[in-house]
Each structure stands twice: as structure tokens, then as C-alpha cells.
């Protein structure tokens, strides 16, 4: 699994990190509890302060931890860890600890107390600014407090055309798309 060698990104670029609608992985922690899940429903909402919306089911293990902690990290995976993306999107944190699976390593965020997954292309550390209950899903507006990207992958936008950033997009069900340059 690739090591995270991040460089800091200005908060003014937080919304651009998810502007194209890539698959993201949300991680959260509270006390001794940790959670991670794959999320396809996300979007930029506001540039200043930078707000990003994620929509997740109210019964997910991760949802409860975000509710308790009031923060989360958006992990932005690349194609090389698609197997981790699929695993974290198909296994319930209520039934098993994804962190004990041996499929990935983690470090901790610098501002937000939550795991950062090894091998991701970038992260956005977020504090919950607002929650909107939508029945079986909640929409969490995360205010970006720190952004970082793998060295050489992001400069004002993801370096997709140079082949340095390979974002993953979800087509539905078990189908994913990785546009190649």
C-alpha cells in the first residue's frame, strides 16, 4: 500500500478536491471507537468557509461516531486502493472491525481525531457545521479545517490529465469508473 506523503493544500481548494464527485471514504473516531465507510454521495457546498456535504445512512456505524464526535475526515482514494474502497463499502462496522482486517493501515489526523487511511491521494479534515435529517439518511455539512494531498497529485486541481491522480467514481451497485488520461 502506498505511503501517505502529503503536502498541505490551502483551504480555498477544499471544494475542488471533491468537485468532480469522486468516491470518498469517511473516517471518524470517538473514544476507543473508530469507523470508516465508503461514500459516493458527496458534494461541495460553499467555498468560504469551505463546506462539503456527505449523505450517509442513519443506521451506519460511522454515523453514530460522527454524531458523538462532531467531526470526520474525508479520505480521497485513488484507483490503486479500489479493493479497500469496495471492502469498506460492503462490510458493516456493526459486524466487524474493518481496522483489524489487515487490509489497510492508518495514521491519525492532525486537527481532527480520526483515522487517515494509508494509500489515499488526499484528505480533508472536517468539523460538522450542520446536520440535516432526511429520513433514512443524514446530510452532514463538514467545514474543512485542513486539506492535504499526496505530493505531485494536486495543484489547484487534481492532476488527472497528467496521470498523477486517478480518482474513482461510483456508477451504482458494484460498478466503478476510473477515467484514464
N, C-alpha and C. Protein backbone atom coordinates (compact mmCIF):
# COMPACT_ATOMS: atom_id res chain seq x y z
N UNK A 1 0.84 -1.18 0.00
CA UNK A 1 0.00 0.00 0.00
C UNK A 1 0.89 1.24 0.00
N UNK A 2 0.61 2.22 -0.88
CA UNK A 2 1.44 3.43 -0.92
C UNK A 2 1.40 4.20 0.39
N UNK A 3 2.52 4.77 0.73
CA UNK A 3 2.63 5.58 1.95
C UNK A 3 2.03 6.96 1.69
N UNK A 4 1.50 7.58 2.73
CA UNK A 4 0.95 8.93 2.60
C UNK A 4 2.08 9.93 2.78
N UNK A 5 2.52 10.52 1.70
CA UNK A 5 3.49 11.61 1.75
C UNK A 5 2.74 12.85 1.29
N UNK A 6 2.07 13.49 2.23
CA UNK A 6 1.19 14.60 1.92
C UNK A 6 1.90 15.94 1.95
N UNK A 7 1.38 16.86 1.16
CA UNK A 7 1.73 18.26 1.27
C UNK A 7 0.43 19.01 1.59
N UNK A 8 0.54 20.05 2.39
CA UNK A 8 -0.63 20.81 2.80
C UNK A 8 -1.21 21.55 1.59
N UNK A 9 -2.52 21.63 1.54
CA UNK A 9 -3.26 22.32 0.48
C UNK A 9 -4.06 23.42 1.15
N UNK A 10 -4.11 24.59 0.55
CA UNK A 10 -4.88 25.69 1.11
C UNK A 10 -6.36 25.35 1.20
N UNK A 11 -7.01 25.80 2.25
CA UNK A 11 -8.44 25.52 2.44
C UNK A 11 -9.30 26.04 1.29
N UNK A 12 -8.81 27.03 0.57
CA UNK A 12 -9.58 27.55 -0.56
C UNK A 12 -9.75 26.51 -1.67
N UNK A 13 -8.99 25.41 -1.61
CA UNK A 13 -9.10 24.35 -2.61
C UNK A 13 -9.86 23.11 -2.10
N UNK A 14 -10.38 23.18 -0.90
CA UNK A 14 -11.08 22.03 -0.32
C UNK A 14 -12.23 21.56 -1.21
N UNK A 15 -13.03 22.49 -1.69
CA UNK A 15 -14.18 22.08 -2.51
C UNK A 15 -13.73 21.50 -3.85
N UNK A 16 -12.61 21.96 -4.37
CA UNK A 16 -12.11 21.41 -5.64
C UNK A 16 -11.65 19.97 -5.50
N UNK A 17 -11.27 19.58 -4.30
CA UNK A 17 -10.81 18.21 -4.09
C UNK A 17 -11.93 17.20 -4.31
N UNK A 18 -13.19 17.63 -4.14
CA UNK A 18 -14.33 16.73 -4.35
C UNK A 18 -15.27 17.22 -5.44
N UNK A 19 -14.86 18.26 -6.16
CA UNK A 19 -15.73 18.88 -7.16
C UNK A 19 -16.21 17.92 -8.24
N UNK A 20 -15.38 16.97 -8.64
CA UNK A 20 -15.76 16.05 -9.71
C UNK A 20 -16.63 14.89 -9.22
N UNK A 21 -16.92 14.85 -7.93
CA UNK A 21 -17.78 13.81 -7.38
C UNK A 21 -17.12 12.46 -7.21
N UNK A 22 -15.86 12.41 -6.77
CA UNK A 22 -15.21 11.11 -6.61
C UNK A 22 -15.78 10.34 -5.42
N UNK A 23 -15.56 9.05 -5.43
CA UNK A 23 -15.85 8.23 -4.26
C UNK A 23 -14.91 8.71 -3.16
N UNK A 24 -15.44 8.81 -1.95
CA UNK A 24 -14.64 9.17 -0.79
C UNK A 24 -14.82 8.11 0.28
N UNK A 25 -13.94 8.16 1.25
CA UNK A 25 -14.07 7.27 2.40
C UNK A 25 -14.08 8.15 3.63
N UNK A 26 -15.13 8.01 4.42
CA UNK A 26 -15.29 8.81 5.63
C UNK A 26 -14.76 8.02 6.81
N UNK A 27 -13.91 8.66 7.60
CA UNK A 27 -13.44 8.03 8.83
C UNK A 27 -13.78 8.94 10.00
N UNK A 28 -14.02 8.31 11.13
CA UNK A 28 -14.37 9.05 12.34
C UNK A 28 -13.92 8.24 13.55
N UNK A 29 -13.78 8.94 14.67
CA UNK A 29 -13.40 8.26 15.91
C UNK A 29 -14.00 9.01 17.08
N UNK A 30 -14.29 8.25 18.13
CA UNK A 30 -14.77 8.84 19.37
C UNK A 30 -14.37 7.88 20.49
N UNK A 31 -13.56 8.36 21.41
CA UNK A 31 -13.04 7.48 22.45
C UNK A 31 -12.23 6.37 21.81
N UNK A 32 -12.57 5.12 22.14
CA UNK A 32 -11.88 3.96 21.56
C UNK A 32 -12.53 3.45 20.29
N UNK A 33 -13.63 4.05 19.89
CA UNK A 33 -14.36 3.61 18.69
C UNK A 33 -13.82 4.28 17.44
N UNK A 34 -13.62 3.50 16.39
CA UNK A 34 -13.21 4.04 15.09
C UNK A 34 -14.13 3.46 14.02
N UNK A 35 -14.32 4.23 12.97
CA UNK A 35 -15.17 3.75 11.87
C UNK A 35 -14.67 4.31 10.56
N UNK A 36 -14.93 3.56 9.50
CA UNK A 36 -14.63 4.00 8.15
C UNK A 36 -15.68 3.41 7.21
N UNK A 37 -16.10 4.20 6.25
CA UNK A 37 -17.05 3.72 5.26
C UNK A 37 -16.82 4.42 3.93
N UNK A 38 -17.22 3.76 2.87
CA UNK A 38 -17.14 4.32 1.53
C UNK A 38 -18.42 5.11 1.27
N UNK A 39 -18.26 6.30 0.67
CA UNK A 39 -19.40 7.19 0.41
C UNK A 39 -19.32 7.71 -1.02
N UNK A 40 -20.40 7.55 -1.76
CA UNK A 40 -20.47 8.08 -3.12
C UNK A 40 -21.24 9.40 -3.16
N UNK A 41 -22.12 9.62 -2.19
CA UNK A 41 -22.96 10.81 -2.20
C UNK A 41 -22.27 11.93 -1.43
N UNK A 42 -21.59 12.79 -2.16
CA UNK A 42 -20.88 13.92 -1.55
C UNK A 42 -20.80 15.05 -2.57
N UNK A 43 -20.66 16.28 -2.08
CA UNK A 43 -20.52 17.42 -2.99
C UNK A 43 -20.04 18.66 -2.26
N UNK A 44 -19.37 19.55 -3.00
CA UNK A 44 -19.01 20.84 -2.42
C UNK A 44 -20.27 21.68 -2.25
N UNK A 45 -20.30 22.48 -1.21
CA UNK A 45 -21.49 23.30 -0.93
C UNK A 45 -21.16 24.78 -0.91
N UNK A 46 -20.03 25.13 -0.33
CA UNK A 46 -19.68 26.54 -0.16
C UNK A 46 -18.16 26.68 -0.15
N UNK A 47 -17.66 27.78 -0.75
CA UNK A 47 -16.21 27.98 -0.83
C UNK A 47 -15.62 28.64 0.42
N UNK A 48 -16.34 29.60 1.04
CA UNK A 48 -15.76 30.33 2.16
C UNK A 48 -16.81 30.58 3.24
N UNK A 49 -16.69 29.94 4.40
CA UNK A 49 -15.73 28.88 4.68
C UNK A 49 -16.07 27.63 3.88
N UNK A 50 -15.07 26.80 3.57
CA UNK A 50 -15.33 25.63 2.74
C UNK A 50 -16.21 24.60 3.45
N UNK A 51 -17.35 24.30 2.81
CA UNK A 51 -18.28 23.29 3.33
C UNK A 51 -18.46 22.20 2.30
N UNK A 52 -18.46 20.97 2.77
CA UNK A 52 -18.66 19.80 1.92
C UNK A 52 -19.76 18.96 2.54
N UNK A 53 -20.72 18.53 1.71
CA UNK A 53 -21.83 17.72 2.18
C UNK A 53 -21.56 16.24 1.91
N UNK A 54 -21.89 15.43 2.90
CA UNK A 54 -21.88 13.98 2.72
C UNK A 54 -23.25 13.47 3.16
N UNK A 55 -23.77 12.51 2.44
CA UNK A 55 -25.05 11.90 2.80
C UNK A 55 -24.78 10.44 3.15
N UNK A 56 -25.14 10.07 4.39
CA UNK A 56 -24.92 8.69 4.83
C UNK A 56 -26.14 8.19 5.60
N UNK A 57 -26.36 6.90 5.51
CA UNK A 57 -27.50 6.28 6.18
C UNK A 57 -27.44 6.45 7.68
N UNK A 58 -28.58 6.66 8.28
CA UNK A 58 -28.66 6.93 9.72
C UNK A 58 -28.29 5.71 10.58
N UNK A 59 -28.35 4.51 10.01
CA UNK A 59 -28.07 3.31 10.79
C UNK A 59 -26.62 2.82 10.68
N UNK A 60 -25.80 3.51 9.90
CA UNK A 60 -24.41 3.10 9.75
C UNK A 60 -23.63 3.32 11.05
N UNK A 61 -22.68 2.45 11.29
CA UNK A 61 -21.80 2.56 12.45
C UNK A 61 -21.07 3.91 12.46
N UNK A 62 -20.60 4.33 11.30
CA UNK A 62 -19.88 5.60 11.17
C UNK A 62 -20.76 6.78 11.56
N UNK A 63 -22.03 6.73 11.22
CA UNK A 63 -22.95 7.82 11.54
C UNK A 63 -22.99 8.09 13.03
N UNK A 64 -23.10 7.04 13.82
CA UNK A 64 -23.15 7.21 15.27
C UNK A 64 -21.88 7.84 15.83
N UNK A 65 -20.75 7.47 15.27
CA UNK A 65 -19.48 8.03 15.74
C UNK A 65 -19.36 9.51 15.35
N UNK A 66 -19.80 9.85 14.14
CA UNK A 66 -19.80 11.27 13.73
C UNK A 66 -20.73 12.07 14.64
N UNK A 67 -21.88 11.51 14.96
CA UNK A 67 -22.83 12.20 15.85
C UNK A 67 -22.19 12.48 17.21
N UNK A 68 -21.42 11.53 17.73
CA UNK A 68 -20.79 11.71 19.03
C UNK A 68 -19.60 12.66 18.98
N UNK A 69 -18.79 12.55 17.94
CA UNK A 69 -17.54 13.32 17.89
C UNK A 69 -17.71 14.71 17.28
N UNK A 70 -18.66 14.87 16.37
CA UNK A 70 -18.84 16.15 15.69
C UNK A 70 -17.77 16.45 14.67
N UNK A 71 -17.08 15.41 14.17
CA UNK A 71 -16.03 15.62 13.18
C UNK A 71 -15.81 14.33 12.39
N UNK A 72 -15.14 14.49 11.24
CA UNK A 72 -14.81 13.34 10.39
C UNK A 72 -13.72 13.75 9.42
N UNK A 73 -13.13 12.75 8.78
CA UNK A 73 -12.13 13.00 7.75
C UNK A 73 -12.62 12.41 6.44
N UNK A 74 -12.52 13.21 5.40
CA UNK A 74 -12.78 12.75 4.04
C UNK A 74 -11.45 12.23 3.50
N UNK A 75 -11.38 10.92 3.25
CA UNK A 75 -10.21 10.30 2.64
C UNK A 75 -10.55 10.14 1.15
N UNK A 76 -9.69 10.61 0.28
CA UNK A 76 -9.94 10.55 -1.16
C UNK A 76 -9.03 9.48 -1.76
N UNK A 77 -9.61 8.30 -2.08
CA UNK A 77 -8.79 7.21 -2.57
C UNK A 77 -8.50 7.33 -4.06
N UNK A 78 -7.43 6.69 -4.47
CA UNK A 78 -7.12 6.54 -5.88
C UNK A 78 -7.38 5.12 -6.32
N UNK A 79 -7.31 4.90 -7.61
CA UNK A 79 -7.63 3.60 -8.18
C UNK A 79 -6.80 2.46 -7.59
N UNK A 80 -5.57 2.75 -7.15
CA UNK A 80 -4.71 1.67 -6.65
C UNK A 80 -5.21 1.04 -5.36
N UNK A 81 -6.17 1.67 -4.68
CA UNK A 81 -6.74 1.04 -3.47
C UNK A 81 -8.24 0.76 -3.65
N UNK A 82 -8.64 0.50 -4.89
CA UNK A 82 -10.04 0.19 -5.17
C UNK A 82 -10.53 -1.00 -4.35
N UNK A 83 -9.67 -1.98 -4.08
CA UNK A 83 -10.08 -3.13 -3.27
C UNK A 83 -10.47 -2.70 -1.86
N UNK A 84 -9.77 -1.72 -1.29
CA UNK A 84 -10.10 -1.20 0.05
C UNK A 84 -11.41 -0.43 -0.01
N UNK A 85 -11.61 0.34 -1.07
CA UNK A 85 -12.86 1.09 -1.27
C UNK A 85 -14.04 0.12 -1.29
N UNK A 86 -13.92 -0.94 -2.07
CA UNK A 86 -15.01 -1.93 -2.17
C UNK A 86 -15.23 -2.63 -0.83
N UNK A 87 -14.16 -3.01 -0.18
CA UNK A 87 -14.27 -3.69 1.13
C UNK A 87 -15.00 -2.80 2.14
N UNK A 88 -14.55 -1.55 2.27
CA UNK A 88 -15.15 -0.65 3.27
C UNK A 88 -16.58 -0.24 2.90
N UNK A 89 -16.96 -0.43 1.65
CA UNK A 89 -18.32 -0.14 1.24
C UNK A 89 -19.26 -1.33 1.32
N UNK A 90 -18.72 -2.51 1.62
CA UNK A 90 -19.56 -3.70 1.63
C UNK A 90 -19.61 -4.41 2.98
N UNK A 91 -18.79 -3.99 3.92
CA UNK A 91 -18.74 -4.64 5.23
C UNK A 91 -19.27 -3.66 6.28
N UNK A 92 -20.15 -4.14 7.13
CA UNK A 92 -20.73 -3.29 8.19
C UNK A 92 -19.80 -3.20 9.38
N UNK A 93 -19.57 -1.98 9.84
CA UNK A 93 -18.78 -1.76 11.04
C UNK A 93 -19.48 -2.25 12.30
N UNK A 94 -20.79 -2.49 12.21
CA UNK A 94 -21.52 -3.07 13.34
C UNK A 94 -21.14 -4.54 13.52
N UNK A 95 -20.73 -5.21 12.43
CA UNK A 95 -20.45 -6.64 12.47
C UNK A 95 -18.98 -7.00 12.63
N UNK A 96 -18.10 -6.14 12.10
CA UNK A 96 -16.67 -6.43 12.24
C UNK A 96 -15.87 -5.14 12.20
N UNK A 97 -14.69 -5.19 12.81
CA UNK A 97 -13.80 -4.03 12.78
C UNK A 97 -13.00 -4.05 11.49
N UNK A 98 -13.26 -3.09 10.63
CA UNK A 98 -12.52 -3.00 9.37
C UNK A 98 -11.05 -2.73 9.62
N UNK A 99 -10.75 -2.07 10.73
CA UNK A 99 -9.37 -1.72 11.06
C UNK A 99 -8.54 -2.94 11.45
N UNK A 100 -9.18 -4.01 11.88
CA UNK A 100 -8.47 -5.23 12.26
C UNK A 100 -8.36 -6.22 11.11
N UNK A 101 -8.86 -5.85 9.95
CA UNK A 101 -8.85 -6.75 8.79
C UNK A 101 -7.48 -6.95 8.18
N UNK A 102 -6.56 -6.00 8.42
CA UNK A 102 -5.24 -6.07 7.81
C UNK A 102 -5.20 -5.58 6.38
N UNK A 103 -6.32 -5.05 5.89
CA UNK A 103 -6.39 -4.59 4.50
C UNK A 103 -5.79 -3.19 4.31
N UNK A 104 -5.62 -2.44 5.39
CA UNK A 104 -5.05 -1.10 5.30
C UNK A 104 -4.49 -0.69 6.65
N UNK A 105 -3.61 0.29 6.61
CA UNK A 105 -3.03 0.89 7.81
C UNK A 105 -3.60 2.29 7.96
N UNK A 106 -3.39 2.89 9.13
CA UNK A 106 -3.87 4.25 9.35
C UNK A 106 -2.87 5.04 10.16
N UNK A 107 -3.01 6.35 10.06
CA UNK A 107 -2.38 7.29 10.97
C UNK A 107 -3.53 8.15 11.48
N UNK A 108 -3.25 9.13 12.30
CA UNK A 108 -4.32 9.99 12.79
C UNK A 108 -4.23 11.36 12.15
N UNK A 109 -5.39 12.03 12.04
CA UNK A 109 -5.43 13.38 11.52
C UNK A 109 -4.64 14.33 12.41
N UNK A 110 -4.30 15.48 11.87
CA UNK A 110 -3.54 16.46 12.64
C UNK A 110 -4.43 17.39 13.46
N UNK A 111 -5.64 17.67 12.97
CA UNK A 111 -6.57 18.54 13.69
C UNK A 111 -7.77 17.75 14.19
N UNK A 112 -8.29 16.89 13.33
CA UNK A 112 -9.46 16.07 13.66
C UNK A 112 -8.98 14.72 14.20
N UNK A 113 -9.57 14.29 15.31
CA UNK A 113 -9.23 13.00 15.91
C UNK A 113 -9.99 11.91 15.16
N UNK A 114 -9.40 11.46 14.04
CA UNK A 114 -9.98 10.39 13.23
C UNK A 114 -8.87 9.78 12.40
N UNK A 115 -9.07 8.53 11.94
CA UNK A 115 -8.03 7.86 11.15
C UNK A 115 -7.90 8.42 9.74
N UNK A 116 -6.67 8.43 9.26
CA UNK A 116 -6.34 8.71 7.86
C UNK A 116 -5.89 7.37 7.27
N UNK A 117 -6.53 6.94 6.20
CA UNK A 117 -6.19 5.66 5.60
C UNK A 117 -4.91 5.75 4.77
N UNK A 118 -4.06 4.76 4.90
CA UNK A 118 -2.85 4.70 4.09
C UNK A 118 -3.21 4.50 2.63
N UNK A 119 -2.44 5.13 1.78
CA UNK A 119 -2.63 4.96 0.34
C UNK A 119 -3.61 5.89 -0.31
N UNK A 120 -4.28 6.76 0.45
CA UNK A 120 -5.22 7.69 -0.17
C UNK A 120 -4.46 8.83 -0.84
N UNK A 121 -5.10 9.45 -1.83
CA UNK A 121 -4.46 10.55 -2.55
C UNK A 121 -4.57 11.87 -1.80
N UNK A 122 -5.60 12.00 -0.97
CA UNK A 122 -5.76 13.25 -0.24
C UNK A 122 -6.75 13.11 0.89
N UNK A 123 -6.75 14.14 1.74
CA UNK A 123 -7.68 14.16 2.87
C UNK A 123 -8.21 15.57 3.09
N UNK A 124 -9.40 15.62 3.65
CA UNK A 124 -9.98 16.88 4.12
C UNK A 124 -10.48 16.61 5.53
N UNK A 125 -9.88 17.25 6.51
CA UNK A 125 -10.32 17.10 7.89
C UNK A 125 -11.47 18.09 8.10
N UNK A 126 -12.59 17.60 8.67
CA UNK A 126 -13.80 18.41 8.78
C UNK A 126 -14.39 18.40 10.18
N UNK A 127 -14.96 19.53 10.56
CA UNK A 127 -15.80 19.66 11.75
C UNK A 127 -17.24 19.77 11.26
N UNK A 128 -18.16 19.09 11.92
CA UNK A 128 -19.56 19.15 11.50
C UNK A 128 -20.10 20.55 11.77
N UNK A 129 -20.54 21.21 10.70
CA UNK A 129 -21.11 22.55 10.81
C UNK A 129 -22.62 22.49 10.96
N UNK A 130 -23.23 21.47 10.35
CA UNK A 130 -24.69 21.34 10.42
C UNK A 130 -25.06 19.93 9.98
N UNK A 131 -26.15 19.44 10.55
CA UNK A 131 -26.69 18.14 10.18
C UNK A 131 -28.14 18.33 9.77
N UNK A 132 -28.52 17.70 8.67
CA UNK A 132 -29.90 17.75 8.19
C UNK A 132 -30.42 16.32 8.15
N UNK A 133 -31.48 16.04 8.90
CA UNK A 133 -32.09 14.71 8.90
C UNK A 133 -33.00 14.59 7.69
N UNK A 134 -32.74 13.57 6.87
CA UNK A 134 -33.52 13.35 5.66
C UNK A 134 -34.20 11.98 5.70
N UNK A 135 -34.69 11.58 6.85
CA UNK A 135 -35.34 10.27 6.98
C UNK A 135 -34.31 9.18 7.21
N UNK A 136 -34.09 8.33 6.19
CA UNK A 136 -33.15 7.22 6.36
C UNK A 136 -31.70 7.63 6.13
N UNK A 137 -31.47 8.89 5.77
CA UNK A 137 -30.12 9.41 5.59
C UNK A 137 -29.96 10.73 6.33
N UNK A 138 -28.75 11.03 6.70
CA UNK A 138 -28.43 12.33 7.26
C UNK A 138 -27.46 13.02 6.32
N UNK A 139 -27.61 14.31 6.19
CA UNK A 139 -26.66 15.10 5.42
C UNK A 139 -25.81 15.86 6.42
N UNK A 140 -24.51 15.64 6.34
CA UNK A 140 -23.57 16.29 7.25
C UNK A 140 -22.79 17.32 6.45
N UNK A 141 -22.87 18.56 6.87
CA UNK A 141 -22.07 19.61 6.26
C UNK A 141 -20.78 19.73 7.06
N UNK A 142 -19.69 19.37 6.43
CA UNK A 142 -18.39 19.41 7.09
C UNK A 142 -17.65 20.68 6.70
N UNK A 143 -17.20 21.42 7.70
CA UNK A 143 -16.38 22.61 7.47
C UNK A 143 -14.93 22.16 7.46
N UNK A 144 -14.27 22.35 6.32
CA UNK A 144 -12.88 21.92 6.18
C UNK A 144 -11.98 22.73 7.10
N UNK A 145 -11.14 22.03 7.86
CA UNK A 145 -10.18 22.70 8.74
C UNK A 145 -8.74 22.37 8.34
N UNK A 146 -8.57 21.39 7.47
CA UNK A 146 -7.24 21.04 6.96
C UNK A 146 -7.40 20.21 5.69
N UNK A 147 -6.55 20.49 4.71
CA UNK A 147 -6.52 19.72 3.47
C UNK A 147 -5.08 19.33 3.18
N UNK A 148 -4.90 18.15 2.66
CA UNK A 148 -3.58 17.70 2.25
C UNK A 148 -3.74 16.71 1.10
N UNK A 149 -2.74 16.66 0.23
CA UNK A 149 -2.77 15.74 -0.91
C UNK A 149 -1.40 15.11 -1.09
N UNK A 150 -1.40 13.93 -1.68
CA UNK A 150 -0.15 13.24 -1.98
C UNK A 150 0.70 14.16 -2.86
N UNK A 151 1.95 14.24 -2.55
CA UNK A 151 2.87 15.11 -3.28
C UNK A 151 2.80 14.83 -4.79
N UNK A 152 2.64 15.91 -5.56
CA UNK A 152 2.61 15.81 -7.01
C UNK A 152 1.27 15.48 -7.63
N UNK A 153 0.25 15.25 -6.81
CA UNK A 153 -1.06 14.86 -7.34
C UNK A 153 -2.05 16.01 -7.47
N UNK A 154 -1.81 17.11 -6.77
CA UNK A 154 -2.79 18.20 -6.74
C UNK A 154 -2.07 19.55 -6.77
N UNK A 155 -2.47 20.38 -7.70
CA UNK A 155 -2.05 21.79 -7.71
C UNK A 155 -3.21 22.58 -8.29
N UNK A 156 -3.98 23.19 -7.43
CA UNK A 156 -5.22 23.91 -7.74
C UNK A 156 -6.34 22.98 -8.19
N UNK A 157 -6.00 21.88 -8.85
CA UNK A 157 -6.94 20.81 -9.21
C UNK A 157 -6.16 19.49 -9.17
N UNK A 158 -6.89 18.37 -9.19
CA UNK A 158 -6.23 17.07 -9.28
C UNK A 158 -5.52 16.96 -10.62
N UNK A 159 -4.34 16.41 -10.64
CA UNK A 159 -3.55 16.27 -11.87
C UNK A 159 -3.96 14.98 -12.60
N UNK A 160 -5.21 14.96 -13.02
CA UNK A 160 -5.77 13.79 -13.70
C UNK A 160 -5.19 13.66 -15.10
N UNK A 161 -5.12 14.77 -15.85
CA UNK A 161 -4.67 14.69 -17.24
C UNK A 161 -3.22 14.24 -17.35
N UNK A 162 -2.42 14.47 -16.31
CA UNK A 162 -1.02 14.01 -16.33
C UNK A 162 -0.89 12.58 -15.84
N UNK A 163 -2.00 11.97 -15.41
CA UNK A 163 -1.97 10.60 -14.91
C UNK A 163 -1.46 10.47 -13.49
N UNK A 164 -1.32 11.58 -12.76
CA UNK A 164 -0.81 11.54 -11.40
C UNK A 164 -1.90 11.34 -10.36
N UNK A 165 -3.14 11.55 -10.74
CA UNK A 165 -4.28 11.35 -9.84
C UNK A 165 -5.34 10.56 -10.58
N UNK A 166 -5.69 9.41 -10.04
CA UNK A 166 -6.71 8.56 -10.65
C UNK A 166 -7.88 8.42 -9.68
N UNK A 167 -8.81 9.34 -9.76
CA UNK A 167 -9.98 9.34 -8.90
C UNK A 167 -10.91 8.19 -9.27
N UNK A 168 -11.70 7.76 -8.31
CA UNK A 168 -12.67 6.68 -8.53
C UNK A 168 -14.06 7.30 -8.50
N UNK A 169 -14.90 6.88 -9.43
CA UNK A 169 -16.29 7.33 -9.46
C UNK A 169 -17.21 6.11 -9.39
N UNK A 170 -18.29 6.24 -8.64
CA UNK A 170 -19.23 5.14 -8.44
C UNK A 170 -20.37 5.25 -9.45
N UNK A 171 -20.64 4.17 -10.15
CA UNK A 171 -21.71 4.16 -11.14
C UNK A 171 -23.00 3.55 -10.59
N UNK A 172 -22.93 2.93 -9.42
CA UNK A 172 -24.08 2.27 -8.82
C UNK A 172 -23.78 0.80 -8.60
N UNK A 173 -24.38 0.23 -7.54
CA UNK A 173 -24.15 -1.18 -7.24
C UNK A 173 -22.66 -1.45 -7.05
N UNK A 174 -22.16 -2.47 -7.73
CA UNK A 174 -20.76 -2.83 -7.60
C UNK A 174 -19.92 -2.30 -8.77
N UNK A 175 -20.43 -1.27 -9.45
CA UNK A 175 -19.74 -0.73 -10.63
C UNK A 175 -19.04 0.59 -10.31
N UNK A 176 -17.76 0.65 -10.72
CA UNK A 176 -16.94 1.83 -10.52
C UNK A 176 -16.30 2.22 -11.84
N UNK A 177 -15.94 3.49 -11.93
CA UNK A 177 -15.31 4.00 -13.13
C UNK A 177 -14.07 4.78 -12.74
N UNK A 178 -12.99 4.52 -13.43
CA UNK A 178 -11.74 5.23 -13.21
C UNK A 178 -11.30 5.79 -14.55
N UNK A 179 -11.58 7.09 -14.79
CA UNK A 179 -11.16 7.65 -16.08
C UNK A 179 -9.65 7.66 -16.20
N UNK A 180 -9.15 7.20 -17.31
CA UNK A 180 -7.70 7.17 -17.56
C UNK A 180 -7.36 8.37 -18.44
N UNK A 181 -6.17 8.97 -18.23
CA UNK A 181 -5.78 10.12 -19.06
C UNK A 181 -5.54 9.71 -20.51
